[in-house]
Amino acid sequence: MIRTTIIARVADALLLAASVDDEQSESELSDAKSQAKVLFRKLTPNSEPRCSVEANAYTFHYLIENGICYLCICDRSYPRKLAFSYLDELAKEFDGSYGAEAHKQGLRPYAFIKFDIFIQKTKRLYQDTRAQSNLTKLNEDLQDVHRIMTKNMEDLLWRGDSLDRMSTMSSTLRDQSAQYRRDAKRLNLEMLYRKYGLPAVVVLAMILVLYLRYYWF
C-alpha cells in the first residue's frame, strides 16, 4: 500500500506539501521520512525523472516534473505501475493548481499543505490493488517500468552515489540498447543475404533465361 506522500521543490529541497498521517504511521515512518528528506537534497535538475529507491521494507517512488518532485513511500510489494500512475495524477493536479506559485521565492515549508485533501482522496483509490479500477490501470501499459531506474537506498544515501550519475547511466544504457538493436538488425540482414542471396540470384537468372528464350527467340 501507499504509506505516505511528500512533494518538494527540486531546486532547494523545500517541502511544499505532504499527506497528513496519523500518529502510528508518523512513528513507523519517521526514519523513512528522514531518508526522503536526504533524497530530496540530492536531487538536481539533471536527476533521473522517474526512479524507484529500495529501502528495507519500503520502496520510494519519485517523479520529477517542472522542477517539482512527487514522492510516495510504499510497501515493497506495491505494484510500481500503480505507484507511478498515482504520482502522475498528483503531478497533474498540483501543477494545475499551484504550478506558478510553487516556484516563488520566500515560500514557507508546507505552503500548500491543503493539497493533502486531494492526496488523501487519490490515495484511497489506489490503496486496494484488487479493485477493478486499479486492475485496469495495472494492466494498461501506463508506464514502461523497464525504463524506470531502480536504486538501493543504502547505496544512494550512505555510499554517495549520485542521482545525476544514475541519469547518465540510464541514458547510456538506452543508447547502447538502441545501438544493439541496430547491429542486430544489420547482422540479421547479412545472414539473410548469405543464406538466400545466391539461390535468389540463380532463380532470377533462370527466369531471365526463360524469358529471353520464349519471348525473344
N, C-alpha and C. Protein backbone atom coordinates (compact mmCIF):
# COMPACT_ATOMS: atom_id res chain seq x y z
N MET A 1 0.83 -1.20 0.00
CA MET A 1 0.00 0.00 0.00
C MET A 1 0.87 1.25 0.00
N ILE A 2 0.25 2.37 -0.33
CA ILE A 2 0.95 3.66 -0.28
C ILE A 2 0.94 4.14 1.17
N ARG A 3 2.11 4.36 1.73
CA ARG A 3 2.21 4.74 3.13
C ARG A 3 2.10 6.25 3.35
N THR A 4 2.84 6.99 2.56
CA THR A 4 2.81 8.45 2.71
C THR A 4 3.29 9.10 1.43
N THR A 5 3.03 10.39 1.31
CA THR A 5 3.37 11.14 0.09
C THR A 5 3.99 12.48 0.49
N ILE A 6 5.04 12.87 -0.23
CA ILE A 6 5.71 14.15 0.03
C ILE A 6 5.98 14.83 -1.31
N ILE A 7 5.78 16.13 -1.35
CA ILE A 7 6.05 16.92 -2.56
C ILE A 7 7.07 17.99 -2.21
N ALA A 8 8.12 18.11 -3.00
CA ALA A 8 9.19 19.06 -2.71
C ALA A 8 9.68 19.72 -3.98
N ARG A 9 10.30 20.88 -3.80
CA ARG A 9 10.89 21.61 -4.93
C ARG A 9 12.30 21.09 -5.15
N VAL A 10 12.65 20.82 -6.38
CA VAL A 10 13.95 20.24 -6.68
C VAL A 10 15.09 21.23 -6.44
N ALA A 11 14.89 22.47 -6.78
CA ALA A 11 15.97 23.46 -6.72
C ALA A 11 16.58 23.61 -5.33
N ASP A 12 15.75 23.57 -4.29
CA ASP A 12 16.26 23.80 -2.95
C ASP A 12 15.72 22.81 -1.91
N ALA A 13 15.07 21.74 -2.37
CA ALA A 13 14.53 20.69 -1.49
C ALA A 13 13.47 21.22 -0.53
N LEU A 14 12.86 22.35 -0.85
CA LEU A 14 11.81 22.91 0.01
C LEU A 14 10.58 22.00 -0.04
N LEU A 15 10.09 21.57 1.12
CA LEU A 15 8.91 20.74 1.19
C LEU A 15 7.68 21.60 0.96
N LEU A 16 6.88 21.24 -0.03
CA LEU A 16 5.73 22.04 -0.42
C LEU A 16 4.42 21.50 0.14
N ALA A 17 4.30 20.17 0.16
CA ALA A 17 3.06 19.54 0.63
C ALA A 17 3.37 18.11 1.04
N ALA A 18 2.46 17.53 1.80
CA ALA A 18 2.63 16.14 2.23
C ALA A 18 1.30 15.61 2.72
N SER A 19 1.18 14.30 2.74
CA SER A 19 -0.03 13.71 3.31
C SER A 19 0.04 13.82 4.82
N VAL A 20 -1.09 14.09 5.44
CA VAL A 20 -1.15 14.19 6.90
C VAL A 20 -1.43 12.79 7.44
N ASP A 21 -0.44 12.20 8.14
CA ASP A 21 -0.55 10.83 8.61
C ASP A 21 -0.97 10.78 10.08
N ASP A 22 -1.55 9.67 10.47
CA ASP A 22 -1.92 9.52 11.88
C ASP A 22 -0.67 9.27 12.73
N GLU A 23 -0.83 9.27 14.05
CA GLU A 23 0.31 9.17 14.95
C GLU A 23 1.08 7.86 14.77
N GLN A 24 0.36 6.77 14.57
CA GLN A 24 1.02 5.48 14.41
C GLN A 24 1.87 5.46 13.15
N SER A 25 1.30 5.92 12.03
CA SER A 25 2.05 5.96 10.78
C SER A 25 3.23 6.91 10.88
N GLU A 26 3.02 8.04 11.55
CA GLU A 26 4.10 9.01 11.72
C GLU A 26 5.27 8.39 12.46
N SER A 27 4.97 7.58 13.49
CA SER A 27 6.02 6.92 14.26
C SER A 27 6.72 5.85 13.43
N GLU A 28 5.95 5.05 12.72
CA GLU A 28 6.52 3.96 11.92
C GLU A 28 7.37 4.48 10.77
N LEU A 29 7.00 5.63 10.23
CA LEU A 29 7.67 6.14 9.02
C LEU A 29 8.69 7.23 9.31
N SER A 30 9.01 7.47 10.57
CA SER A 30 9.90 8.58 10.91
C SER A 30 11.27 8.43 10.23
N ASP A 31 11.85 7.22 10.28
CA ASP A 31 13.15 7.01 9.64
C ASP A 31 13.04 7.14 8.13
N ALA A 32 11.97 6.58 7.56
CA ALA A 32 11.79 6.65 6.11
C ALA A 32 11.63 8.09 5.64
N LYS A 33 10.91 8.89 6.41
CA LYS A 33 10.73 10.30 6.03
C LYS A 33 12.05 11.06 6.13
N SER A 34 12.87 10.71 7.09
CA SER A 34 14.19 11.35 7.19
C SER A 34 15.03 11.01 5.97
N GLN A 35 14.96 9.75 5.53
CA GLN A 35 15.67 9.36 4.32
C GLN A 35 15.14 10.09 3.10
N ALA A 36 13.83 10.30 3.06
CA ALA A 36 13.23 11.02 1.93
C ALA A 36 13.76 12.45 1.86
N LYS A 37 13.93 13.09 3.02
CA LYS A 37 14.45 14.46 3.03
C LYS A 37 15.89 14.51 2.53
N VAL A 38 16.68 13.49 2.88
CA VAL A 38 18.05 13.42 2.37
C VAL A 38 18.02 13.20 0.86
N LEU A 39 17.10 12.37 0.41
CA LEU A 39 16.95 12.12 -1.03
C LEU A 39 16.62 13.41 -1.77
N PHE A 40 15.72 14.22 -1.23
CA PHE A 40 15.36 15.49 -1.86
C PHE A 40 16.58 16.39 -2.01
N ARG A 41 17.44 16.39 -1.00
CA ARG A 41 18.62 17.26 -1.06
C ARG A 41 19.63 16.79 -2.10
N LYS A 42 19.53 15.53 -2.51
CA LYS A 42 20.45 15.01 -3.52
C LYS A 42 19.95 15.25 -4.95
N LEU A 43 18.70 15.65 -5.08
CA LEU A 43 18.14 15.85 -6.41
C LEU A 43 18.67 17.13 -7.06
N THR A 44 18.82 17.08 -8.37
CA THR A 44 19.18 18.25 -9.17
C THR A 44 18.32 18.23 -10.43
N PRO A 45 18.33 19.31 -11.21
CA PRO A 45 17.56 19.29 -12.47
C PRO A 45 17.98 18.19 -13.44
N ASN A 46 19.19 17.65 -13.25
CA ASN A 46 19.68 16.59 -14.13
C ASN A 46 19.41 15.19 -13.60
N SER A 47 18.74 15.09 -12.47
CA SER A 47 18.48 13.78 -11.89
C SER A 47 17.50 12.98 -12.73
N GLU A 48 17.56 11.67 -12.58
CA GLU A 48 16.63 10.78 -13.28
C GLU A 48 15.19 11.20 -12.96
N PRO A 49 14.35 11.45 -13.97
CA PRO A 49 13.00 11.97 -13.71
C PRO A 49 12.04 10.97 -13.09
N ARG A 50 12.29 9.68 -13.26
CA ARG A 50 11.46 8.64 -12.64
C ARG A 50 12.40 7.61 -12.03
N CYS A 51 12.21 7.35 -10.76
CA CYS A 51 13.14 6.44 -10.10
C CYS A 51 12.45 5.74 -8.94
N SER A 52 12.86 4.51 -8.68
CA SER A 52 12.41 3.75 -7.51
C SER A 52 13.62 3.44 -6.66
N VAL A 53 13.55 3.76 -5.38
CA VAL A 53 14.67 3.55 -4.46
C VAL A 53 14.22 2.57 -3.39
N GLU A 54 14.89 1.44 -3.31
CA GLU A 54 14.52 0.41 -2.36
C GLU A 54 15.20 0.65 -1.01
N ALA A 55 14.41 0.55 0.07
CA ALA A 55 14.94 0.80 1.41
C ALA A 55 14.23 -0.12 2.41
N ASN A 56 14.90 -1.23 2.74
CA ASN A 56 14.35 -2.19 3.70
C ASN A 56 12.94 -2.65 3.29
N ALA A 57 11.95 -2.38 4.13
CA ALA A 57 10.59 -2.87 3.84
C ALA A 57 9.84 -1.97 2.87
N TYR A 58 10.41 -0.82 2.54
CA TYR A 58 9.71 0.16 1.71
C TYR A 58 10.43 0.39 0.38
N THR A 59 9.68 0.95 -0.54
CA THR A 59 10.26 1.45 -1.79
C THR A 59 9.81 2.90 -1.97
N PHE A 60 10.77 3.78 -2.24
CA PHE A 60 10.48 5.18 -2.52
C PHE A 60 10.35 5.34 -4.03
N HIS A 61 9.20 5.76 -4.49
CA HIS A 61 8.99 6.05 -5.91
C HIS A 61 8.90 7.56 -6.07
N TYR A 62 9.67 8.12 -6.99
CA TYR A 62 9.53 9.57 -7.19
C TYR A 62 9.44 9.92 -8.67
N LEU A 63 8.77 11.02 -8.91
CA LEU A 63 8.57 11.56 -10.25
C LEU A 63 8.90 13.04 -10.21
N ILE A 64 9.70 13.51 -11.16
CA ILE A 64 10.05 14.93 -11.25
C ILE A 64 9.40 15.52 -12.50
N GLU A 65 8.62 16.57 -12.30
CA GLU A 65 8.01 17.28 -13.42
C GLU A 65 8.01 18.77 -13.13
N ASN A 66 8.48 19.55 -14.09
CA ASN A 66 8.50 21.02 -13.98
C ASN A 66 9.18 21.48 -12.69
N GLY A 67 10.27 20.83 -12.34
CA GLY A 67 11.05 21.26 -11.19
C GLY A 67 10.47 20.87 -9.84
N ILE A 68 9.42 20.04 -9.83
CA ILE A 68 8.79 19.59 -8.59
C ILE A 68 8.92 18.07 -8.50
N CYS A 69 9.29 17.58 -7.31
CA CYS A 69 9.42 16.15 -7.10
C CYS A 69 8.22 15.63 -6.30
N TYR A 70 7.58 14.62 -6.84
CA TYR A 70 6.45 13.96 -6.18
C TYR A 70 6.92 12.58 -5.73
N LEU A 71 6.90 12.33 -4.44
CA LEU A 71 7.45 11.09 -3.89
C LEU A 71 6.43 10.39 -3.02
N CYS A 72 6.33 9.07 -3.18
CA CYS A 72 5.49 8.27 -2.29
C CYS A 72 6.32 7.13 -1.73
N ILE A 73 6.08 6.82 -0.48
CA ILE A 73 6.73 5.69 0.18
C ILE A 73 5.72 4.56 0.24
N CYS A 74 6.07 3.43 -0.35
CA CYS A 74 5.13 2.30 -0.45
C CYS A 74 5.75 1.03 0.12
N ASP A 75 4.91 0.07 0.44
CA ASP A 75 5.40 -1.26 0.77
C ASP A 75 6.12 -1.82 -0.45
N ARG A 76 7.11 -2.68 -0.20
CA ARG A 76 7.89 -3.23 -1.31
C ARG A 76 7.02 -4.01 -2.29
N SER A 77 5.91 -4.57 -1.80
CA SER A 77 5.05 -5.40 -2.64
C SER A 77 4.08 -4.59 -3.50
N TYR A 78 4.01 -3.28 -3.27
CA TYR A 78 3.04 -2.48 -4.01
C TYR A 78 3.49 -2.33 -5.46
N PRO A 79 2.59 -2.56 -6.44
CA PRO A 79 2.97 -2.52 -7.86
C PRO A 79 3.54 -1.16 -8.29
N ARG A 80 4.65 -1.23 -8.98
CA ARG A 80 5.32 0.01 -9.39
C ARG A 80 4.49 0.81 -10.39
N LYS A 81 3.77 0.11 -11.28
CA LYS A 81 2.95 0.83 -12.25
C LYS A 81 1.89 1.67 -11.55
N LEU A 82 1.28 1.10 -10.52
CA LEU A 82 0.26 1.85 -9.79
C LEU A 82 0.87 3.05 -9.07
N ALA A 83 2.06 2.86 -8.51
CA ALA A 83 2.72 3.95 -7.79
C ALA A 83 2.97 5.14 -8.72
N PHE A 84 3.45 4.87 -9.93
CA PHE A 84 3.74 5.97 -10.84
C PHE A 84 2.49 6.55 -11.48
N SER A 85 1.46 5.74 -11.63
CA SER A 85 0.18 6.27 -12.08
C SER A 85 -0.38 7.23 -11.03
N TYR A 86 -0.24 6.85 -9.78
CA TYR A 86 -0.68 7.70 -8.65
C TYR A 86 0.09 9.02 -8.65
N LEU A 87 1.40 8.94 -8.81
CA LEU A 87 2.21 10.16 -8.83
C LEU A 87 1.87 11.04 -10.03
N ASP A 88 1.58 10.43 -11.17
CA ASP A 88 1.18 11.20 -12.35
C ASP A 88 -0.07 12.02 -12.08
N GLU A 89 -1.04 11.40 -11.39
CA GLU A 89 -2.27 12.12 -11.07
C GLU A 89 -2.00 13.29 -10.13
N LEU A 90 -1.16 13.07 -9.14
CA LEU A 90 -0.82 14.16 -8.22
C LEU A 90 -0.12 15.29 -8.96
N ALA A 91 0.80 14.93 -9.85
CA ALA A 91 1.56 15.94 -10.58
C ALA A 91 0.65 16.82 -11.44
N LYS A 92 -0.29 16.19 -12.13
CA LYS A 92 -1.20 16.96 -13.00
C LYS A 92 -2.05 17.93 -12.17
N GLU A 93 -2.58 17.45 -11.05
CA GLU A 93 -3.44 18.30 -10.23
C GLU A 93 -2.64 19.41 -9.55
N PHE A 94 -1.48 19.07 -9.01
CA PHE A 94 -0.68 20.07 -8.31
C PHE A 94 -0.18 21.14 -9.27
N ASP A 95 0.28 20.72 -10.44
CA ASP A 95 0.77 21.69 -11.42
C ASP A 95 -0.36 22.60 -11.89
N GLY A 96 -1.54 22.03 -12.06
CA GLY A 96 -2.68 22.85 -12.49
C GLY A 96 -3.14 23.82 -11.43
N SER A 97 -2.98 23.45 -10.16
CA SER A 97 -3.46 24.29 -9.06
C SER A 97 -2.41 25.27 -8.55
N TYR A 98 -1.15 24.82 -8.47
CA TYR A 98 -0.12 25.64 -7.83
C TYR A 98 1.17 25.77 -8.65
N GLY A 99 1.12 25.36 -9.92
CA GLY A 99 2.33 25.34 -10.73
C GLY A 99 3.16 26.61 -10.69
N ALA A 100 2.51 27.76 -10.86
CA ALA A 100 3.24 29.04 -10.88
C ALA A 100 3.71 29.44 -9.48
N GLU A 101 2.84 29.27 -8.50
CA GLU A 101 3.17 29.68 -7.14
C GLU A 101 4.29 28.85 -6.53
N ALA A 102 4.39 27.60 -6.92
CA ALA A 102 5.34 26.68 -6.28
C ALA A 102 6.79 27.10 -6.46
N HIS A 103 7.07 27.93 -7.46
CA HIS A 103 8.45 28.33 -7.73
C HIS A 103 8.78 29.73 -7.20
N LYS A 104 7.85 30.33 -6.50
CA LYS A 104 8.10 31.66 -5.95
C LYS A 104 9.08 31.59 -4.80
N GLN A 105 9.90 32.63 -4.67
CA GLN A 105 10.84 32.71 -3.56
C GLN A 105 10.10 33.12 -2.28
N GLY A 106 10.66 32.73 -1.15
CA GLY A 106 10.09 33.14 0.13
C GLY A 106 8.97 32.27 0.63
N LEU A 107 8.72 31.16 -0.02
CA LEU A 107 7.67 30.26 0.46
C LEU A 107 8.11 29.58 1.75
N ARG A 108 7.17 29.35 2.63
CA ARG A 108 7.45 28.61 3.85
C ARG A 108 7.27 27.11 3.59
N PRO A 109 7.92 26.27 4.40
CA PRO A 109 7.71 24.82 4.24
C PRO A 109 6.23 24.46 4.36
N TYR A 110 5.83 23.53 3.54
CA TYR A 110 4.45 23.03 3.51
C TYR A 110 3.45 24.16 3.22
N ALA A 111 3.84 25.04 2.32
CA ALA A 111 2.97 26.16 1.96
C ALA A 111 1.66 25.70 1.32
N PHE A 112 1.67 24.50 0.75
CA PHE A 112 0.47 24.00 0.07
C PHE A 112 -0.06 22.74 0.76
N ILE A 113 -0.04 22.76 2.08
CA ILE A 113 -0.46 21.59 2.85
C ILE A 113 -1.92 21.23 2.59
N LYS A 114 -2.72 22.21 2.15
CA LYS A 114 -4.12 21.92 1.86
C LYS A 114 -4.27 20.98 0.67
N PHE A 115 -3.19 20.77 -0.06
CA PHE A 115 -3.23 19.80 -1.16
C PHE A 115 -3.42 18.38 -0.61
N ASP A 116 -3.25 18.21 0.70
CA ASP A 116 -3.47 16.91 1.33
C ASP A 116 -4.86 16.37 1.05
N ILE A 117 -5.85 17.26 0.89
CA ILE A 117 -7.22 16.81 0.60
C ILE A 117 -7.25 15.98 -0.68
N PHE A 118 -6.57 16.48 -1.71
CA PHE A 118 -6.52 15.73 -2.97
C PHE A 118 -5.66 14.48 -2.82
N ILE A 119 -4.56 14.59 -2.07
CA ILE A 119 -3.68 13.43 -1.86
C ILE A 119 -4.46 12.28 -1.22
N GLN A 120 -5.21 12.59 -0.14
CA GLN A 120 -5.94 11.55 0.57
C GLN A 120 -7.01 10.92 -0.31
N LYS A 121 -7.71 11.75 -1.06
CA LYS A 121 -8.77 11.24 -1.94
C LYS A 121 -8.19 10.32 -3.00
N THR A 122 -7.07 10.73 -3.59
CA THR A 122 -6.45 9.92 -4.64
C THR A 122 -5.82 8.65 -4.06
N LYS A 123 -5.22 8.78 -2.89
CA LYS A 123 -4.57 7.62 -2.27
C LYS A 123 -5.57 6.51 -1.97
N ARG A 124 -6.77 6.89 -1.56
CA ARG A 124 -7.80 5.89 -1.27
C ARG A 124 -8.14 5.07 -2.51
N LEU A 125 -8.12 5.70 -3.67
CA LEU A 125 -8.43 5.00 -4.91
C LEU A 125 -7.35 3.98 -5.27
N TYR A 126 -6.13 4.23 -4.80
CA TYR A 126 -5.01 3.38 -5.17
C TYR A 126 -4.59 2.40 -4.08
N GLN A 127 -5.25 2.44 -2.93
CA GLN A 127 -4.83 1.59 -1.83
C GLN A 127 -5.12 0.12 -2.08
N ASP A 128 -6.27 -0.18 -2.66
CA ASP A 128 -6.66 -1.57 -2.87
C ASP A 128 -6.28 -2.01 -4.27
N THR A 129 -5.19 -2.77 -4.39
CA THR A 129 -4.72 -3.18 -5.73
C THR A 129 -5.66 -4.19 -6.36
N ARG A 130 -6.61 -4.72 -5.60
CA ARG A 130 -7.55 -5.69 -6.16
C ARG A 130 -8.79 -5.02 -6.75
N ALA A 131 -8.95 -3.74 -6.48
CA ALA A 131 -10.12 -3.03 -7.02
C ALA A 131 -10.08 -3.06 -8.55
N GLN A 132 -11.25 -3.14 -9.16
CA GLN A 132 -11.32 -3.28 -10.62
C GLN A 132 -10.68 -2.09 -11.33
N SER A 133 -10.91 -0.89 -10.79
CA SER A 133 -10.33 0.29 -11.45
C SER A 133 -8.81 0.24 -11.42
N ASN A 134 -8.25 -0.25 -10.32
CA ASN A 134 -6.80 -0.34 -10.21
C ASN A 134 -6.24 -1.46 -11.07
N LEU A 135 -6.97 -2.57 -11.17
CA LEU A 135 -6.52 -3.65 -12.03
C LEU A 135 -6.44 -3.18 -13.48
N THR A 136 -7.41 -2.36 -13.88
CA THR A 136 -7.38 -1.82 -15.24
C THR A 136 -6.15 -0.97 -15.45
N LYS A 137 -5.85 -0.11 -14.48
CA LYS A 137 -4.66 0.73 -14.58
C LYS A 137 -3.40 -0.11 -14.60
N LEU A 138 -3.41 -1.19 -13.79
CA LEU A 138 -2.23 -2.03 -13.70
C LEU A 138 -1.97 -2.77 -15.00
N ASN A 139 -3.03 -3.21 -15.67
CA ASN A 139 -2.89 -3.99 -16.89
C ASN A 139 -2.59 -3.13 -18.11
N GLU A 140 -2.98 -1.87 -18.06
CA GLU A 140 -2.67 -0.97 -19.16
C GLU A 140 -1.18 -0.64 -19.14
N ASP A 141 -0.65 -0.35 -20.30
CA ASP A 141 0.77 0.00 -20.37
C ASP A 141 0.95 1.48 -20.07
N LEU A 142 0.70 1.87 -18.82
CA LEU A 142 0.78 3.28 -18.44
C LEU A 142 2.22 3.76 -18.36
N GLN A 143 3.09 2.89 -17.84
CA GLN A 143 4.49 3.26 -17.71
C GLN A 143 5.34 2.09 -18.21
N ASP A 144 6.42 2.41 -18.89
CA ASP A 144 7.38 1.37 -19.26
C ASP A 144 8.30 1.18 -18.07
N VAL A 145 7.96 0.21 -17.20
CA VAL A 145 8.70 0.08 -15.94
C VAL A 145 10.16 -0.29 -16.17
N HIS A 146 10.47 -0.85 -17.32
CA HIS A 146 11.86 -1.21 -17.58
C HIS A 146 12.73 0.02 -17.77
N ARG A 147 12.11 1.16 -18.01
CA ARG A 147 12.88 2.39 -18.20
C ARG A 147 12.91 3.24 -16.94
N ILE A 148 12.37 2.71 -15.84
CA ILE A 148 12.41 3.42 -14.58
C ILE A 148 13.61 2.92 -13.79
N MET A 149 14.52 3.80 -13.48
CA MET A 149 15.72 3.42 -12.77
C MET A 149 15.39 2.94 -11.37
N THR A 150 16.05 1.86 -10.94
CA THR A 150 15.88 1.35 -9.58
C THR A 150 17.21 1.45 -8.86
N LYS A 151 17.15 1.91 -7.62
CA LYS A 151 18.37 2.12 -6.84
C LYS A 151 18.15 1.65 -5.42
N ASN A 152 19.22 1.29 -4.74
CA ASN A 152 19.16 0.91 -3.35
C ASN A 152 19.43 2.12 -2.47
N MET A 153 18.62 2.30 -1.43
CA MET A 153 18.76 3.48 -0.57
C MET A 153 20.13 3.54 0.09
N GLU A 154 20.65 2.40 0.50
CA GLU A 154 21.96 2.40 1.16
C GLU A 154 23.04 2.93 0.23
N ASP A 155 23.03 2.46 -1.02
CA ASP A 155 24.00 2.96 -1.99
C ASP A 155 23.83 4.45 -2.22
N LEU A 156 22.58 4.87 -2.29
CA LEU A 156 22.28 6.26 -2.64
C LEU A 156 22.65 7.23 -1.53
N LEU A 157 22.29 6.89 -0.30
CA LEU A 157 22.45 7.84 0.80
C LEU A 157 23.78 7.70 1.52
N TRP A 158 24.24 6.46 1.69
CA TRP A 158 25.41 6.28 2.55
C TRP A 158 26.70 6.03 1.78
N ARG A 159 26.60 5.60 0.54
CA ARG A 159 27.82 5.38 -0.24
C ARG A 159 28.06 6.50 -1.24
N GLY A 160 27.18 7.47 -1.24
CA GLY A 160 27.43 8.68 -2.02
C GLY A 160 27.15 8.58 -3.50
N ASP A 161 26.39 7.58 -3.93
CA ASP A 161 26.04 7.51 -5.35
C ASP A 161 25.22 8.73 -5.75
N SER A 162 25.44 9.20 -6.97
CA SER A 162 24.79 10.41 -7.43
C SER A 162 23.59 10.10 -8.29
N LEU A 163 22.48 10.84 -8.06
CA LEU A 163 21.30 10.69 -8.91
C LEU A 163 21.57 11.21 -10.31
N ASP A 164 22.47 12.19 -10.41
CA ASP A 164 22.86 12.67 -11.74
C ASP A 164 23.58 11.57 -12.50
N ARG A 165 24.45 10.84 -11.79
CA ARG A 165 25.17 9.74 -12.43
C ARG A 165 24.21 8.65 -12.86
N MET A 166 23.18 8.43 -12.06
CA MET A 166 22.16 7.47 -12.43
C MET A 166 21.50 7.86 -13.73
N SER A 167 21.22 9.16 -13.88
CA SER A 167 20.58 9.64 -15.10
C SER A 167 21.49 9.40 -16.30
N THR A 168 22.80 9.68 -16.11
CA THR A 168 23.77 9.46 -17.18
C THR A 168 23.84 7.99 -17.54
N MET A 169 23.86 7.13 -16.49
CA MET A 169 23.90 5.69 -16.74
C MET A 169 22.66 5.23 -17.49
N SER A 170 21.51 5.78 -17.12
CA SER A 170 20.27 5.40 -17.78
C SER A 170 20.30 5.79 -19.25
N SER A 171 20.78 7.01 -19.53
CA SER A 171 20.86 7.47 -20.92
C SER A 171 21.83 6.61 -21.72
N THR A 172 22.95 6.26 -21.07
CA THR A 172 23.95 5.42 -21.74
C THR A 172 23.38 4.06 -22.07
N LEU A 173 22.65 3.48 -21.11
CA LEU A 173 22.04 2.17 -21.34
C LEU A 173 21.04 2.22 -22.49
N ARG A 174 20.24 3.31 -22.55
CA ARG A 174 19.28 3.45 -23.64
C ARG A 174 19.99 3.56 -24.98
N ASP A 175 21.10 4.34 -25.01
CA ASP A 175 21.86 4.49 -26.25
C ASP A 175 22.47 3.15 -26.68
N GLN A 176 23.02 2.43 -25.70
CA GLN A 176 23.62 1.13 -26.01
C GLN A 176 22.57 0.14 -26.50
N SER A 177 21.39 0.21 -25.90
CA SER A 177 20.30 -0.68 -26.32
C SER A 177 19.89 -0.39 -27.76
N ALA A 178 19.80 0.91 -28.09
CA ALA A 178 19.43 1.28 -29.47
C ALA A 178 20.49 0.83 -30.46
N GLN A 179 21.78 0.99 -30.08
CA GLN A 179 22.87 0.55 -30.94
C GLN A 179 22.85 -0.96 -31.13
N TYR A 180 22.53 -1.68 -30.05
CA TYR A 180 22.45 -3.14 -30.12
C TYR A 180 21.35 -3.56 -31.10
N ARG A 181 20.20 -2.89 -31.04
CA ARG A 181 19.11 -3.24 -31.95
C ARG A 181 19.50 -2.99 -33.40
N ARG A 182 20.20 -1.86 -33.63
CA ARG A 182 20.64 -1.56 -35.00
C ARG A 182 21.62 -2.62 -35.50
N ASP A 183 22.58 -2.99 -34.64
CA ASP A 183 23.57 -4.00 -35.03
C ASP A 183 22.90 -5.35 -35.27
N ALA A 184 21.94 -5.70 -34.41
CA ALA A 184 21.24 -6.98 -34.57
C ALA A 184 20.47 -7.02 -35.89
N LYS A 185 19.83 -5.89 -36.23
CA LYS A 185 19.09 -5.81 -37.48
C LYS A 185 20.02 -5.96 -38.68
N ARG A 186 21.18 -5.30 -38.59
CA ARG A 186 22.14 -5.38 -39.69
C ARG A 186 22.67 -6.81 -39.85
N LEU A 187 22.99 -7.46 -38.72
CA LEU A 187 23.50 -8.83 -38.77
C LEU A 187 22.46 -9.79 -39.33
N ASN A 188 21.20 -9.58 -38.94
CA ASN A 188 20.12 -10.43 -39.47
C ASN A 188 20.00 -10.30 -40.99
N LEU A 189 20.11 -9.06 -41.47
CA LEU A 189 20.04 -8.85 -42.92
C LEU A 189 21.21 -9.51 -43.63
N GLU A 190 22.41 -9.40 -43.02
CA GLU A 190 23.58 -10.03 -43.63
C GLU A 190 23.42 -11.55 -43.69
N MET A 191 22.85 -12.12 -42.62
CA MET A 191 22.62 -13.56 -42.60
C MET A 191 21.62 -13.98 -43.68
N LEU A 192 20.58 -13.16 -43.85
CA LEU A 192 19.59 -13.45 -44.90
C LEU A 192 20.23 -13.39 -46.28
N TYR A 193 21.08 -12.38 -46.49
CA TYR A 193 21.75 -12.26 -47.78
C TYR A 193 22.63 -13.48 -48.04
N ARG A 194 23.38 -13.91 -47.01
CA ARG A 194 24.28 -15.05 -47.18
C ARG A 194 23.51 -16.35 -47.42
N LYS A 195 22.36 -16.48 -46.75
CA LYS A 195 21.59 -17.72 -46.83
C LYS A 195 20.78 -17.81 -48.12
N TYR A 196 20.18 -16.69 -48.50
CA TYR A 196 19.26 -16.73 -49.64
C TYR A 196 19.75 -15.92 -50.84
N GLY A 197 20.86 -15.21 -50.69
CA GLY A 197 21.32 -14.35 -51.78
C GLY A 197 21.66 -15.11 -53.04
N LEU A 198 22.52 -16.16 -52.92
CA LEU A 198 22.94 -16.93 -54.09
C LEU A 198 21.77 -17.67 -54.73
N PRO A 199 20.93 -18.38 -53.95
CA PRO A 199 19.75 -19.02 -54.58
C PRO A 199 18.86 -18.02 -55.30
N ALA A 200 18.70 -16.84 -54.70
CA ALA A 200 17.84 -15.83 -55.32
C ALA A 200 18.42 -15.38 -56.65
N VAL A 201 19.76 -15.23 -56.68
CA VAL A 201 20.42 -14.82 -57.93
C VAL A 201 20.24 -15.89 -59.00
N VAL A 202 20.41 -17.16 -58.61
CA VAL A 202 20.26 -18.28 -59.55
C VAL A 202 18.84 -18.33 -60.11
N VAL A 203 17.84 -18.19 -59.20
CA VAL A 203 16.44 -18.23 -59.65
C VAL A 203 16.15 -17.09 -60.61
N LEU A 204 16.64 -15.89 -60.27
CA LEU A 204 16.42 -14.74 -61.16
C LEU A 204 17.08 -14.95 -62.51
N ALA A 205 18.27 -15.55 -62.50
CA ALA A 205 18.98 -15.81 -63.76
C ALA A 205 18.19 -16.79 -64.62
N MET A 206 17.64 -17.85 -63.97
CA MET A 206 16.85 -18.83 -64.71
C MET A 206 15.60 -18.19 -65.30
N ILE A 207 14.96 -17.33 -64.50
CA ILE A 207 13.77 -16.64 -65.00
C ILE A 207 14.11 -15.76 -66.18
N LEU A 208 15.25 -15.08 -66.10
CA LEU A 208 15.68 -14.21 -67.19
C LEU A 208 15.97 -15.02 -68.45
N VAL A 209 16.63 -16.18 -68.30
CA VAL A 209 16.94 -17.03 -69.45
C VAL A 209 15.65 -17.54 -70.09
N LEU A 210 14.72 -18.00 -69.26
CA LEU A 210 13.45 -18.49 -69.79
C LEU A 210 12.68 -17.38 -70.49
N TYR A 211 12.72 -16.19 -69.92
CA TYR A 211 12.03 -15.06 -70.53
C TYR A 211 12.61 -14.74 -71.90
N LEU A 212 13.95 -14.68 -71.96
CA LEU A 212 14.61 -14.37 -73.23
C LEU A 212 14.36 -15.46 -74.27
N ARG A 213 14.33 -16.70 -73.79
CA ARG A 213 14.16 -17.82 -74.72
C ARG A 213 12.78 -17.84 -75.37
N TYR A 214 11.77 -17.59 -74.54
CA TYR A 214 10.38 -17.71 -75.05
C TYR A 214 9.87 -16.44 -75.71
N TYR A 215 10.42 -15.32 -75.34
CA TYR A 215 9.88 -14.07 -75.90
C TYR A 215 10.79 -13.43 -76.96
N TRP A 216 12.02 -13.86 -77.01
CA TRP A 216 12.92 -13.23 -77.97
C TRP A 216 13.44 -14.21 -79.04
N PHE A 217 13.34 -15.51 -78.76
CA PHE A 217 13.90 -16.46 -79.73
C PHE A 217 12.79 -17.36 -80.29
